Amino acid sequence: MIDTHVIKPLTPETFPAWQALADKHNGVWGGCYCSYFHSDTADTVKSEYPRVEFKERLVHEGVAHAALVFDGDDAIAWCQFGSPEELPNIYHRKQYDAGEPNPGPWRITCFFVDRDHRRSGVAYEALEGALQLIAQAGGGEVVSFPNELVEGKRTSSSFLHNGTRAMFEKAGFTFERHIGTSKTVMRKTIAASA
Protein backbone atom coordinates (compact mmCIF):
# COMPACT_ATOMS: atom_id res chain seq x y z
CA MET A 1 0.00 0.00 0.00
CA ILE A 2 1.18 3.50 -0.75
CA ASP A 3 2.27 5.09 2.54
CA THR A 4 -0.15 8.00 2.27
CA HIS A 5 -3.19 5.79 1.59
CA VAL A 6 -5.47 4.52 4.34
CA ILE A 7 -8.26 1.93 4.13
CA LYS A 8 -11.56 2.78 5.78
CA PRO A 9 -14.89 0.92 5.66
CA LEU A 10 -17.93 2.44 4.01
CA THR A 11 -19.99 3.82 6.91
CA PRO A 12 -22.37 6.73 7.42
CA GLU A 13 -19.28 8.75 8.41
CA THR A 14 -17.29 7.91 5.25
CA PHE A 15 -20.29 8.02 2.91
CA PRO A 16 -19.80 11.73 2.01
CA ALA A 17 -16.26 10.99 0.75
CA TRP A 18 -17.56 7.95 -1.15
CA GLN A 19 -20.31 10.08 -2.70
CA ALA A 20 -17.85 12.83 -3.66
CA LEU A 21 -15.83 10.25 -5.62
CA ALA A 22 -18.97 8.88 -7.29
CA ASP A 23 -20.27 12.38 -8.08
CA LYS A 24 -16.90 13.34 -9.62
CA HIS A 25 -17.53 10.56 -12.15
CA ASN A 26 -21.19 11.36 -12.87
CA GLY A 27 -22.49 8.72 -10.52
CA VAL A 28 -20.25 6.01 -12.00
CA TRP A 29 -21.26 4.00 -15.05
CA GLY A 30 -24.21 6.15 -16.04
CA GLY A 31 -25.45 6.97 -12.54
CA CYS A 32 -25.29 3.49 -10.98
CA TYR A 33 -23.78 4.76 -7.71
CA CYS A 34 -22.62 1.20 -7.13
CA SER A 35 -26.19 0.01 -6.61
CA TYR A 36 -26.56 -2.48 -9.49
CA PHE A 37 -25.59 -5.56 -7.49
CA HIS A 38 -27.90 -4.67 -4.56
CA SER A 39 -31.57 -5.52 -4.31
CA ASP A 40 -34.45 -4.33 -2.16
CA THR A 41 -34.26 -4.66 1.61
CA ALA A 42 -37.08 -4.97 4.12
CA ASP A 43 -36.95 -1.19 4.58
CA THR A 44 -35.85 0.12 1.18
CA VAL A 45 -37.24 -0.57 -2.29
CA LYS A 46 -34.68 0.28 -4.96
CA SER A 47 -37.19 1.67 -7.47
CA GLU A 48 -38.49 4.23 -4.95
CA TYR A 49 -35.23 6.21 -4.57
CA PRO A 50 -32.61 7.89 -6.71
CA ARG A 51 -29.58 5.55 -6.86
CA VAL A 52 -27.37 7.65 -4.57
CA GLU A 53 -30.11 7.86 -1.94
CA PHE A 54 -30.78 4.13 -2.26
CA LYS A 55 -27.09 3.44 -1.64
CA GLU A 56 -26.98 5.79 1.33
CA ARG A 57 -30.02 4.09 2.88
CA LEU A 58 -28.30 0.70 2.55
CA VAL A 59 -25.18 2.07 4.24
CA HIS A 60 -27.30 3.29 7.16
CA GLU A 61 -29.04 -0.10 7.31
CA GLY A 62 -25.64 -1.81 7.50
CA VAL A 63 -26.15 -3.83 4.30
CA ALA A 64 -23.72 -2.04 1.96
CA HIS A 65 -20.04 -2.75 2.48
CA ALA A 66 -16.90 -1.48 0.79
CA ALA A 67 -13.26 -0.86 1.50
CA LEU A 68 -12.43 2.74 0.64
CA VAL A 69 -8.91 3.85 -0.22
CA PHE A 70 -8.28 7.33 1.15
CA ASP A 71 -5.57 9.74 0.07
CA GLY A 72 -5.79 12.33 2.83
CA ASP A 73 -9.45 13.29 3.19
CA ASP A 74 -10.39 12.08 -0.29
CA ALA A 75 -11.68 8.63 -1.20
CA ILE A 76 -9.89 7.60 -4.41
CA ALA A 77 -11.13 4.02 -4.83
CA TRP A 78 -13.41 1.38 -3.43
CA CYS A 79 -13.96 -2.36 -3.48
CA GLN A 80 -17.54 -3.43 -2.79
CA PHE A 81 -18.12 -6.67 -0.90
CA GLY A 82 -20.92 -8.32 1.05
CA SER A 83 -22.98 -11.43 1.45
CA PRO A 84 -24.81 -13.04 -1.49
CA GLU A 85 -28.04 -11.81 0.12
CA GLU A 86 -26.73 -8.21 0.07
CA LEU A 87 -25.36 -8.51 -3.48
CA PRO A 88 -27.58 -10.95 -5.39
CA ASN A 89 -27.51 -9.30 -8.83
CA ILE A 90 -24.31 -10.68 -10.33
CA TYR A 91 -23.68 -11.06 -14.05
CA HIS A 92 -24.32 -14.57 -15.43
CA ARG A 93 -26.08 -15.54 -12.20
CA LYS A 94 -27.91 -18.57 -13.64
CA GLN A 95 -24.65 -19.98 -14.98
CA TYR A 96 -22.87 -19.23 -11.70
CA ASP A 97 -25.66 -20.74 -9.56
CA ALA A 98 -25.75 -23.90 -11.69
CA GLY A 99 -22.14 -24.66 -10.74
CA GLU A 100 -22.28 -23.43 -7.13
CA PRO A 101 -23.80 -25.98 -4.72
CA ASN A 102 -22.68 -24.15 -1.57
CA PRO A 103 -22.18 -20.36 -1.93
CA GLY A 104 -19.62 -18.79 0.38
CA PRO A 105 -20.60 -16.12 2.89
CA TRP A 106 -18.84 -13.29 0.98
CA ARG A 107 -18.60 -11.98 -2.55
CA ILE A 108 -16.74 -9.11 -4.15
CA THR A 109 -18.71 -7.47 -6.95
CA CYS A 110 -17.36 -4.06 -7.83
CA PHE A 111 -14.32 -1.79 -7.90
CA PHE A 112 -14.06 1.83 -8.79
CA VAL A 113 -10.91 3.95 -9.02
CA ASP A 114 -10.74 7.70 -9.50
CA ARG A 115 -9.68 8.45 -13.09
CA ASP A 116 -6.69 10.39 -11.71
CA HIS A 117 -5.36 7.28 -9.92
CA ARG A 118 -5.97 4.45 -12.40
CA ARG A 119 -3.23 2.00 -13.36
CA SER A 120 -1.31 2.78 -10.17
CA GLY A 121 -2.19 -0.26 -8.02
CA VAL A 122 -5.00 1.43 -6.09
CA ALA A 123 -7.55 -1.24 -7.08
CA TYR A 124 -5.28 -3.86 -5.52
CA GLU A 125 -5.09 -1.76 -2.35
CA ALA A 126 -8.89 -1.70 -2.27
CA LEU A 127 -9.03 -5.49 -2.72
CA GLU A 128 -6.54 -6.05 0.10
CA GLY A 129 -8.56 -3.63 2.24
CA ALA A 130 -11.77 -5.55 1.56
CA LEU A 131 -10.09 -8.82 2.56
CA GLN A 132 -8.89 -7.20 5.81
CA LEU A 133 -12.42 -5.98 6.58
CA ILE A 134 -13.82 -9.45 5.81
CA ALA A 135 -11.25 -10.96 8.22
CA GLN A 136 -12.35 -8.49 10.90
CA ALA A 137 -15.98 -9.52 10.28
CA GLY A 138 -15.19 -13.18 10.94
CA GLY A 139 -13.63 -14.31 7.67
CA GLY A 140 -14.80 -17.16 5.49
CA GLU A 141 -14.86 -18.02 1.83
CA VAL A 142 -14.82 -15.09 -0.60
CA VAL A 143 -15.97 -15.48 -4.22
CA SER A 144 -15.48 -12.94 -6.97
CA PHE A 145 -16.00 -12.64 -10.71
CA PRO A 146 -13.05 -10.80 -12.25
CA ASN A 147 -12.51 -10.31 -15.96
CA GLU A 148 -10.21 -12.54 -17.99
CA LEU A 149 -8.25 -10.17 -20.21
CA VAL A 150 -7.43 -11.15 -23.79
CA GLU A 151 -3.67 -11.15 -24.25
CA GLY A 152 -2.54 -8.40 -26.58
CA LYS A 153 -5.88 -6.58 -26.45
CA ARG A 154 -5.89 -3.32 -24.50
CA THR A 155 -8.93 -2.90 -22.25
CA SER A 156 -9.84 0.41 -20.68
CA SER A 157 -9.54 0.17 -16.91
CA SER A 158 -12.87 1.98 -16.65
CA PHE A 159 -14.57 -1.19 -17.98
CA LEU A 160 -13.02 -3.53 -15.43
CA HIS A 161 -15.69 -3.09 -12.79
CA ASN A 162 -14.69 -6.33 -11.07
CA GLY A 163 -10.94 -6.22 -11.57
CA THR A 164 -8.85 -8.79 -13.40
CA ARG A 165 -8.02 -12.43 -12.91
CA ALA A 166 -4.33 -11.50 -12.57
CA MET A 167 -5.06 -9.06 -9.73
CA PHE A 168 -7.06 -11.69 -7.85
CA GLU A 169 -4.36 -14.32 -8.42
CA LYS A 170 -1.83 -11.87 -6.95
CA ALA A 171 -4.09 -11.66 -3.87
CA GLY A 172 -4.08 -15.47 -3.52
CA PHE A 173 -7.42 -16.31 -5.14
CA THR A 174 -7.80 -19.59 -7.02
CA PHE A 175 -9.36 -19.74 -10.48
CA GLU A 176 -12.33 -22.09 -10.62
CA ARG A 177 -14.18 -21.63 -13.93
CA HIS A 178 -15.39 -19.24 -16.59
CA ILE A 179 -18.89 -17.78 -16.75
CA GLY A 180 -20.06 -15.75 -19.71
CA THR A 181 -17.43 -14.82 -22.26
CA SER A 182 -14.96 -12.91 -20.12
CA LYS A 183 -15.88 -13.46 -16.46
CA THR A 184 -14.24 -15.94 -14.11
CA VAL A 185 -15.20 -17.44 -10.77
CA MET A 186 -12.38 -17.18 -8.26
CA ARG A 187 -12.29 -17.86 -4.54
CA LYS A 188 -10.18 -17.60 -1.44
CA THR A 189 -10.79 -18.46 2.21
CA ILE A 190 -9.97 -15.67 4.65
CA ALA A 191 -9.13 -16.47 8.26
CA ALA A 192 -10.82 -14.40 10.94
CA SER A 193 -8.53 -11.78 12.39
CA ALA A 194 -7.78 -11.76 16.11
C-alpha atoms as a PDB file:
ATOM      1  CA  MET A   1       0.000   0.000   0.000  1.00  0.00           C
ATOM      2  CA  ILE A   2       1.184   3.502  -0.749  1.00  0.00           C
ATOM      3  CA  ASP A   3       2.270   5.085   2.541  1.00  0.00           C
ATOM      4  CA  THR A   4      -0.152   7.999   2.271  1.00  0.00           C
ATOM      5  CA  HIS A   5      -3.189   5.787   1.589  1.00  0.00           C
ATOM      6  CA  VAL A   6      -5.474   4.523   4.341  1.00  0.00           C
ATOM      7  CA  ILE A   7      -8.257   1.934   4.129  1.00  0.00           C
ATOM      8  CA  LYS A   8     -11.559   2.782   5.777  1.00  0.00           C
ATOM      9  CA  PRO A   9     -14.886   0.922   5.663  1.00  0.00           C
ATOM     10  CA  LEU A  10     -17.925   2.443   4.011  1.00  0.00           C
ATOM     11  CA  THR A  11     -19.985   3.816   6.909  1.00  0.00           C
ATOM     12  CA  PRO A  12     -22.369   6.726   7.418  1.00  0.00           C
ATOM     13  CA  GLU A  13     -19.278   8.755   8.410  1.00  0.00           C
ATOM     14  CA  THR A  14     -17.295   7.911   5.247  1.00  0.00           C
ATOM     15  CA  PHE A  15     -20.293   8.022   2.906  1.00  0.00           C
ATOM     16  CA  PRO A  16     -19.804  11.733   2.006  1.00  0.00           C
ATOM     17  CA  ALA A  17     -16.261  10.994   0.753  1.00  0.00           C
ATOM     18  CA  TRP A  18     -17.557   7.950  -1.150  1.00  0.00           C
ATOM     19  CA  GLN A  19     -20.311  10.079  -2.702  1.00  0.00           C
ATOM     20  CA  ALA A  20     -17.846  12.825  -3.660  1.00  0.00           C
ATOM     21  CA  LEU A  21     -15.827  10.250  -5.622  1.00  0.00           C
ATOM     22  CA  ALA A  22     -18.966   8.878  -7.293  1.00  0.00           C
ATOM     23  CA  ASP A  23     -20.266  12.383  -8.078  1.00  0.00           C
ATOM     24  CA  LYS A  24     -16.903  13.342  -9.620  1.00  0.00           C
ATOM     25  CA  HIS A  25     -17.533  10.559 -12.150  1.00  0.00           C
ATOM     26  CA  ASN A  26     -21.191  11.360 -12.875  1.00  0.00           C
ATOM     27  CA  GLY A  27     -22.494   8.716 -10.518  1.00  0.00           C
ATOM     28  CA  VAL A  28     -20.245   6.008 -11.999  1.00  0.00           C
ATOM     29  CA  TRP A  29     -21.257   4.003 -15.054  1.00  0.00           C
ATOM     30  CA  GLY A  30     -24.206   6.153 -16.039  1.00  0.00           C
ATOM     31  CA  GLY A  31     -25.453   6.967 -12.542  1.00  0.00           C
ATOM     32  CA  CYS A  32     -25.292   3.494 -10.981  1.00  0.00           C
ATOM     33  CA  TYR A  33     -23.782   4.762  -7.707  1.00  0.00           C
ATOM     34  CA  CYS A  34     -22.618   1.195  -7.127  1.00  0.00           C
ATOM     35  CA  SER A  35     -26.193   0.008  -6.614  1.00  0.00           C
ATOM     36  CA  TYR A  36     -26.558  -2.484  -9.486  1.00  0.00           C
ATOM     37  CA  PHE A  37     -25.589  -5.562  -7.487  1.00  0.00           C
ATOM     38  CA  HIS A  38     -27.899  -4.675  -4.558  1.00  0.00           C
ATOM     39  CA  SER A  39     -31.571  -5.524  -4.308  1.00  0.00           C
ATOM     40  CA  ASP A  40     -34.454  -4.331  -2.159  1.00  0.00           C
ATOM     41  CA  THR A  41     -34.261  -4.664   1.606  1.00  0.00           C
ATOM     42  CA  ALA A  42     -37.078  -4.969   4.116  1.00  0.00           C
ATOM     43  CA  ASP A  43     -36.946  -1.185   4.585  1.00  0.00           C
ATOM     44  CA  THR A  44     -35.845   0.120   1.182  1.00  0.00           C
ATOM     45  CA  VAL A  45     -37.235  -0.565  -2.288  1.00  0.00           C
ATOM     46  CA  LYS A  46     -34.679   0.285  -4.962  1.00  0.00           C
ATOM     47  CA  SER A  47     -37.191   1.672  -7.468  1.00  0.00           C
ATOM     48  CA  GLU A  48     -38.487   4.231  -4.952  1.00  0.00           C
ATOM     49  CA  TYR A  49     -35.233   6.208  -4.573  1.00  0.00           C
ATOM     50  CA  PRO A  50     -32.608   7.893  -6.711  1.00  0.00           C
ATOM     51  CA  ARG A  51     -29.581   5.546  -6.864  1.00  0.00           C
ATOM     52  CA  VAL A  52     -27.365   7.648  -4.571  1.00  0.00           C
ATOM     53  CA  GLU A  53     -30.107   7.864  -1.937  1.00  0.00           C
ATOM     54  CA  PHE A  54     -30.779   4.125  -2.256  1.00  0.00           C
ATOM     55  CA  LYS A  55     -27.090   3.439  -1.640  1.00  0.00           C
ATOM     56  CA  GLU A  56     -26.980   5.789   1.334  1.00  0.00           C
ATOM     57  CA  ARG A  57     -30.021   4.091   2.882  1.00  0.00           C
ATOM     58  CA  LEU A  58     -28.302   0.699   2.552  1.00  0.00           C
ATOM     59  CA  VAL A  59     -25.181   2.066   4.239  1.00  0.00           C
ATOM     60  CA  HIS A  60     -27.297   3.291   7.162  1.00  0.00           C
ATOM     61  CA  GLU A  61     -29.040  -0.098   7.312  1.00  0.00           C
ATOM     62  CA  GLY A  62     -25.636  -1.810   7.498  1.00  0.00           C
ATOM     63  CA  VAL A  63     -26.147  -3.830   4.301  1.00  0.00           C
ATOM     64  CA  ALA A  64     -23.720  -2.036   1.958  1.00  0.00           C
ATOM     65  CA  HIS A  65     -20.039  -2.750   2.477  1.00  0.00           C
ATOM     66  CA  ALA A  66     -16.905  -1.477   0.795  1.00  0.00           C
ATOM     67  CA  ALA A  67     -13.255  -0.865   1.504  1.00  0.00           C
ATOM     68  CA  LEU A  68     -12.434   2.744   0.643  1.00  0.00           C
ATOM     69  CA  VAL A  69      -8.911   3.849  -0.215  1.00  0.00           C
ATOM     70  CA  PHE A  70      -8.277   7.334   1.152  1.00  0.00           C
ATOM     71  CA  ASP A  71      -5.568   9.744   0.071  1.00  0.00           C
ATOM     72  CA  GLY A  72      -5.786  12.334   2.826  1.00  0.00           C
ATOM     73  CA  ASP A  73      -9.451  13.294   3.190  1.00  0.00           C
ATOM     74  CA  ASP A  74     -10.395  12.075  -0.286  1.00  0.00           C
ATOM     75  CA  ALA A  75     -11.676   8.629  -1.203  1.00  0.00           C
ATOM     76  CA  ILE A  76      -9.887   7.600  -4.410  1.00  0.00           C
ATOM     77  CA  ALA A  77     -11.131   4.019  -4.830  1.00  0.00           C
ATOM     78  CA  TRP A  78     -13.412   1.383  -3.435  1.00  0.00           C
ATOM     79  CA  CYS A  79     -13.963  -2.356  -3.484  1.00  0.00           C
ATOM     80  CA  GLN A  80     -17.542  -3.435  -2.794  1.00  0.00           C
ATOM     81  CA  PHE A  81     -18.119  -6.673  -0.897  1.00  0.00           C
ATOM     82  CA  GLY A  82     -20.916  -8.321   1.045  1.00  0.00           C
ATOM     83  CA  SER A  83     -22.983 -11.426   1.453  1.00  0.00           C
ATOM     84  CA  PRO A  84     -24.808 -13.041  -1.489  1.00  0.00           C
ATOM     85  CA  GLU A  85     -28.037 -11.806   0.119  1.00  0.00           C
ATOM     86  CA  GLU A  86     -26.732  -8.208   0.073  1.00  0.00           C
ATOM     87  CA  LEU A  87     -25.361  -8.509  -3.480  1.00  0.00           C
ATOM     88  CA  PRO A  88     -27.577 -10.953  -5.391  1.00  0.00           C
ATOM     89  CA  ASN A  89     -27.507  -9.298  -8.830  1.00  0.00           C
ATOM     90  CA  ILE A  90     -24.312 -10.681 -10.327  1.00  0.00           C
ATOM     91  CA  TYR A  91     -23.680 -11.059 -14.048  1.00  0.00           C
ATOM     92  CA  HIS A  92     -24.320 -14.572 -15.430  1.00  0.00           C
ATOM     93  CA  ARG A  93     -26.077 -15.539 -12.202  1.00  0.00           C
ATOM     94  CA  LYS A  94     -27.911 -18.568 -13.642  1.00  0.00           C
ATOM     95  CA  GLN A  95     -24.646 -19.983 -14.980  1.00  0.00           C
ATOM     96  CA  TYR A  96     -22.873 -19.232 -11.697  1.00  0.00           C
ATOM     97  CA  ASP A  97     -25.665 -20.739  -9.560  1.00  0.00           C
ATOM     98  CA  ALA A  98     -25.747 -23.903 -11.690  1.00  0.00           C
ATOM     99  CA  GLY A  99     -22.136 -24.655 -10.738  1.00  0.00           C
ATOM    100  CA  GLU A 100     -22.285 -23.430  -7.125  1.00  0.00           C
ATOM    101  CA  PRO A 101     -23.795 -25.976  -4.717  1.00  0.00           C
ATOM    102  CA  ASN A 102     -22.680 -24.147  -1.570  1.00  0.00           C
ATOM    103  CA  PRO A 103     -22.180 -20.358  -1.934  1.00  0.00           C
ATOM    104  CA  GLY A 104     -19.621 -18.793   0.385  1.00  0.00           C
ATOM    105  CA  PRO A 105     -20.597 -16.121   2.889  1.00  0.00           C
ATOM    106  CA  TRP A 106     -18.840 -13.293   0.983  1.00  0.00           C
ATOM    107  CA  ARG A 107     -18.603 -11.980  -2.545  1.00  0.00           C
ATOM    108  CA  ILE A 108     -16.741  -9.111  -4.154  1.00  0.00           C
ATOM    109  CA  THR A 109     -18.710  -7.469  -6.950  1.00  0.00           C
ATOM    110  CA  CYS A 110     -17.364  -4.062  -7.832  1.00  0.00           C
ATOM    111  CA  PHE A 111     -14.324  -1.789  -7.897  1.00  0.00           C
ATOM    112  CA  PHE A 112     -14.064   1.833  -8.793  1.00  0.00           C
ATOM    113  CA  VAL A 113     -10.913   3.946  -9.023  1.00  0.00           C
ATOM    114  CA  ASP A 114     -10.740   7.702  -9.504  1.00  0.00           C
ATOM    115  CA  ARG A 115      -9.679   8.447 -13.088  1.00  0.00           C
ATOM    116  CA  ASP A 116      -6.692  10.388 -11.714  1.00  0.00           C
ATOM    117  CA  HIS A 117      -5.362   7.282  -9.917  1.00  0.00           C
ATOM    118  CA  ARG A 118      -5.967   4.445 -12.400  1.00  0.00           C
ATOM    119  CA  ARG A 119      -3.228   2.000 -13.355  1.00  0.00           C
ATOM    120  CA  SER A 120      -1.311   2.784 -10.168  1.00  0.00           C
ATOM    121  CA  GLY A 121      -2.187  -0.255  -8.019  1.00  0.00           C
ATOM    122  CA  VAL A 122      -5.002   1.426  -6.094  1.00  0.00           C
ATOM    123  CA  ALA A 123      -7.555  -1.236  -7.075  1.00  0.00           C
ATOM    124  CA  TYR A 124      -5.283  -3.859  -5.522  1.00  0.00           C
ATOM    125  CA  GLU A 125      -5.089  -1.759  -2.354  1.00  0.00           C
ATOM    126  CA  ALA A 126      -8.892  -1.702  -2.273  1.00  0.00           C
ATOM    127  CA  LEU A 127      -9.026  -5.490  -2.721  1.00  0.00           C
ATOM    128  CA  GLU A 128      -6.539  -6.047   0.100  1.00  0.00           C
ATOM    129  CA  GLY A 129      -8.561  -3.629   2.242  1.00  0.00           C
ATOM    130  CA  ALA A 130     -11.769  -5.554   1.562  1.00  0.00           C
ATOM    131  CA  LEU A 131     -10.093  -8.822   2.559  1.00  0.00           C
ATOM    132  CA  GLN A 132      -8.888  -7.201   5.810  1.00  0.00           C
ATOM    133  CA  LEU A 133     -12.422  -5.985   6.583  1.00  0.00           C
ATOM    134  CA  ILE A 134     -13.817  -9.454   5.813  1.00  0.00           C
ATOM    135  CA  ALA A 135     -11.254 -10.965   8.215  1.00  0.00           C
ATOM    136  CA  GLN A 136     -12.354  -8.486  10.897  1.00  0.00           C
ATOM    137  CA  ALA A 137     -15.980  -9.523  10.285  1.00  0.00           C
ATOM    138  CA  GLY A 138     -15.192 -13.183  10.937  1.00  0.00           C
ATOM    139  CA  GLY A 139     -13.625 -14.306   7.666  1.00  0.00           C
ATOM    140  CA  GLY A 140     -14.804 -17.162   5.494  1.00  0.00           C
ATOM    141  CA  GLU A 141     -14.863 -18.016   1.830  1.00  0.00           C
ATOM    142  CA  VAL A 142     -14.819 -15.094  -0.604  1.00  0.00           C
ATOM    143  CA  VAL A 143     -15.972 -15.477  -4.216  1.00  0.00           C
ATOM    144  CA  SER A 144     -15.483 -12.944  -6.975  1.00  0.00           C
ATOM    145  CA  PHE A 145     -16.003 -12.641 -10.709  1.00  0.00           C
ATOM    146  CA  PRO A 146     -13.049 -10.796 -12.251  1.00  0.00           C
ATOM    147  CA  ASN A 147     -12.513 -10.315 -15.957  1.00  0.00           C
ATOM    148  CA  GLU A 148     -10.214 -12.535 -17.990  1.00  0.00           C
ATOM    149  CA  LEU A 149      -8.249 -10.171 -20.210  1.00  0.00           C
ATOM    150  CA  VAL A 150      -7.431 -11.147 -23.789  1.00  0.00           C
ATOM    151  CA  GLU A 151      -3.674 -11.151 -24.255  1.00  0.00           C
ATOM    152  CA  GLY A 152      -2.540  -8.401 -26.583  1.00  0.00           C
ATOM    153  CA  LYS A 153      -5.877  -6.582 -26.451  1.00  0.00           C
ATOM    154  CA  ARG A 154      -5.887  -3.317 -24.496  1.00  0.00           C
ATOM    155  CA  THR A 155      -8.930  -2.905 -22.250  1.00  0.00           C
ATOM    156  CA  SER A 156      -9.840   0.410 -20.679  1.00  0.00           C
ATOM    157  CA  SER A 157      -9.536   0.174 -16.913  1.00  0.00           C
ATOM    158  CA  SER A 158     -12.875   1.977 -16.650  1.00  0.00           C
ATOM    159  CA  PHE A 159     -14.572  -1.192 -17.976  1.00  0.00           C
ATOM    160  CA  LEU A 160     -13.016  -3.525 -15.431  1.00  0.00           C
ATOM    161  CA  HIS A 161     -15.687  -3.092 -12.786  1.00  0.00           C
ATOM    162  CA  ASN A 162     -14.694  -6.326 -11.065  1.00  0.00           C
ATOM    163  CA  GLY A 163     -10.942  -6.222 -11.565  1.00  0.00           C
ATOM    164  CA  THR A 164      -8.854  -8.791 -13.399  1.00  0.00           C
ATOM    165  CA  ARG A 165      -8.018 -12.431 -12.906  1.00  0.00           C
ATOM    166  CA  ALA A 166      -4.328 -11.496 -12.573  1.00  0.00           C
ATOM    167  CA  MET A 167      -5.060  -9.063  -9.732  1.00  0.00           C
ATOM    168  CA  PHE A 168      -7.063 -11.692  -7.853  1.00  0.00           C
ATOM    169  CA  GLU A 169      -4.359 -14.323  -8.423  1.00  0.00           C
ATOM    170  CA  LYS A 170      -1.826 -11.873  -6.945  1.00  0.00           C
ATOM    171  CA  ALA A 171      -4.087 -11.659  -3.866  1.00  0.00           C
ATOM    172  CA  GLY A 172      -4.085 -15.467  -3.522  1.00  0.00           C
ATOM    173  CA  PHE A 173      -7.424 -16.308  -5.137  1.00  0.00           C
ATOM    174  CA  THR A 174      -7.801 -19.587  -7.023  1.00  0.00           C
ATOM    175  CA  PHE A 175      -9.358 -19.737 -10.480  1.00  0.00           C
ATOM    176  CA  GLU A 176     -12.327 -22.090 -10.618  1.00  0.00           C
ATOM    177  CA  ARG A 177     -14.175 -21.631 -13.928  1.00  0.00           C
ATOM    178  CA  HIS A 178     -15.387 -19.244 -16.588  1.00  0.00           C
ATOM    179  CA  ILE A 179     -18.892 -17.776 -16.746  1.00  0.00           C
ATOM    180  CA  GLY A 180     -20.059 -15.748 -19.713  1.00  0.00           C
ATOM    181  CA  THR A 181     -17.432 -14.823 -22.265  1.00  0.00           C
ATOM    182  CA  SER A 182     -14.962 -12.909 -20.116  1.00  0.00           C
ATOM    183  CA  LYS A 183     -15.878 -13.460 -16.460  1.00  0.00           C
ATOM    184  CA  THR A 184     -14.239 -15.938 -14.113  1.00  0.00           C
ATOM    185  CA  VAL A 185     -15.197 -17.443 -10.770  1.00  0.00           C
ATOM    186  CA  MET A 186     -12.376 -17.179  -8.255  1.00  0.00           C
ATOM    187  CA  ARG A 187     -12.285 -17.857  -4.538  1.00  0.00           C
ATOM    188  CA  LYS A 188     -10.180 -17.604  -1.438  1.00  0.00           C
ATOM    189  CA  THR A 189     -10.790 -18.456   2.207  1.00  0.00           C
ATOM    190  CA  ILE A 190      -9.966 -15.672   4.645  1.00  0.00           C
ATOM    191  CA  ALA A 191      -9.128 -16.466   8.256  1.00  0.00           C
ATOM    192  CA  ALA A 192     -10.824 -14.403  10.935  1.00  0.00           C
ATOM    193  CA  SER A 193      -8.534 -11.781  12.394  1.00  0.00           C
ATOM    194  CA  ALA A 194      -7.782 -11.757  16.110  1.00  0.00           C
END
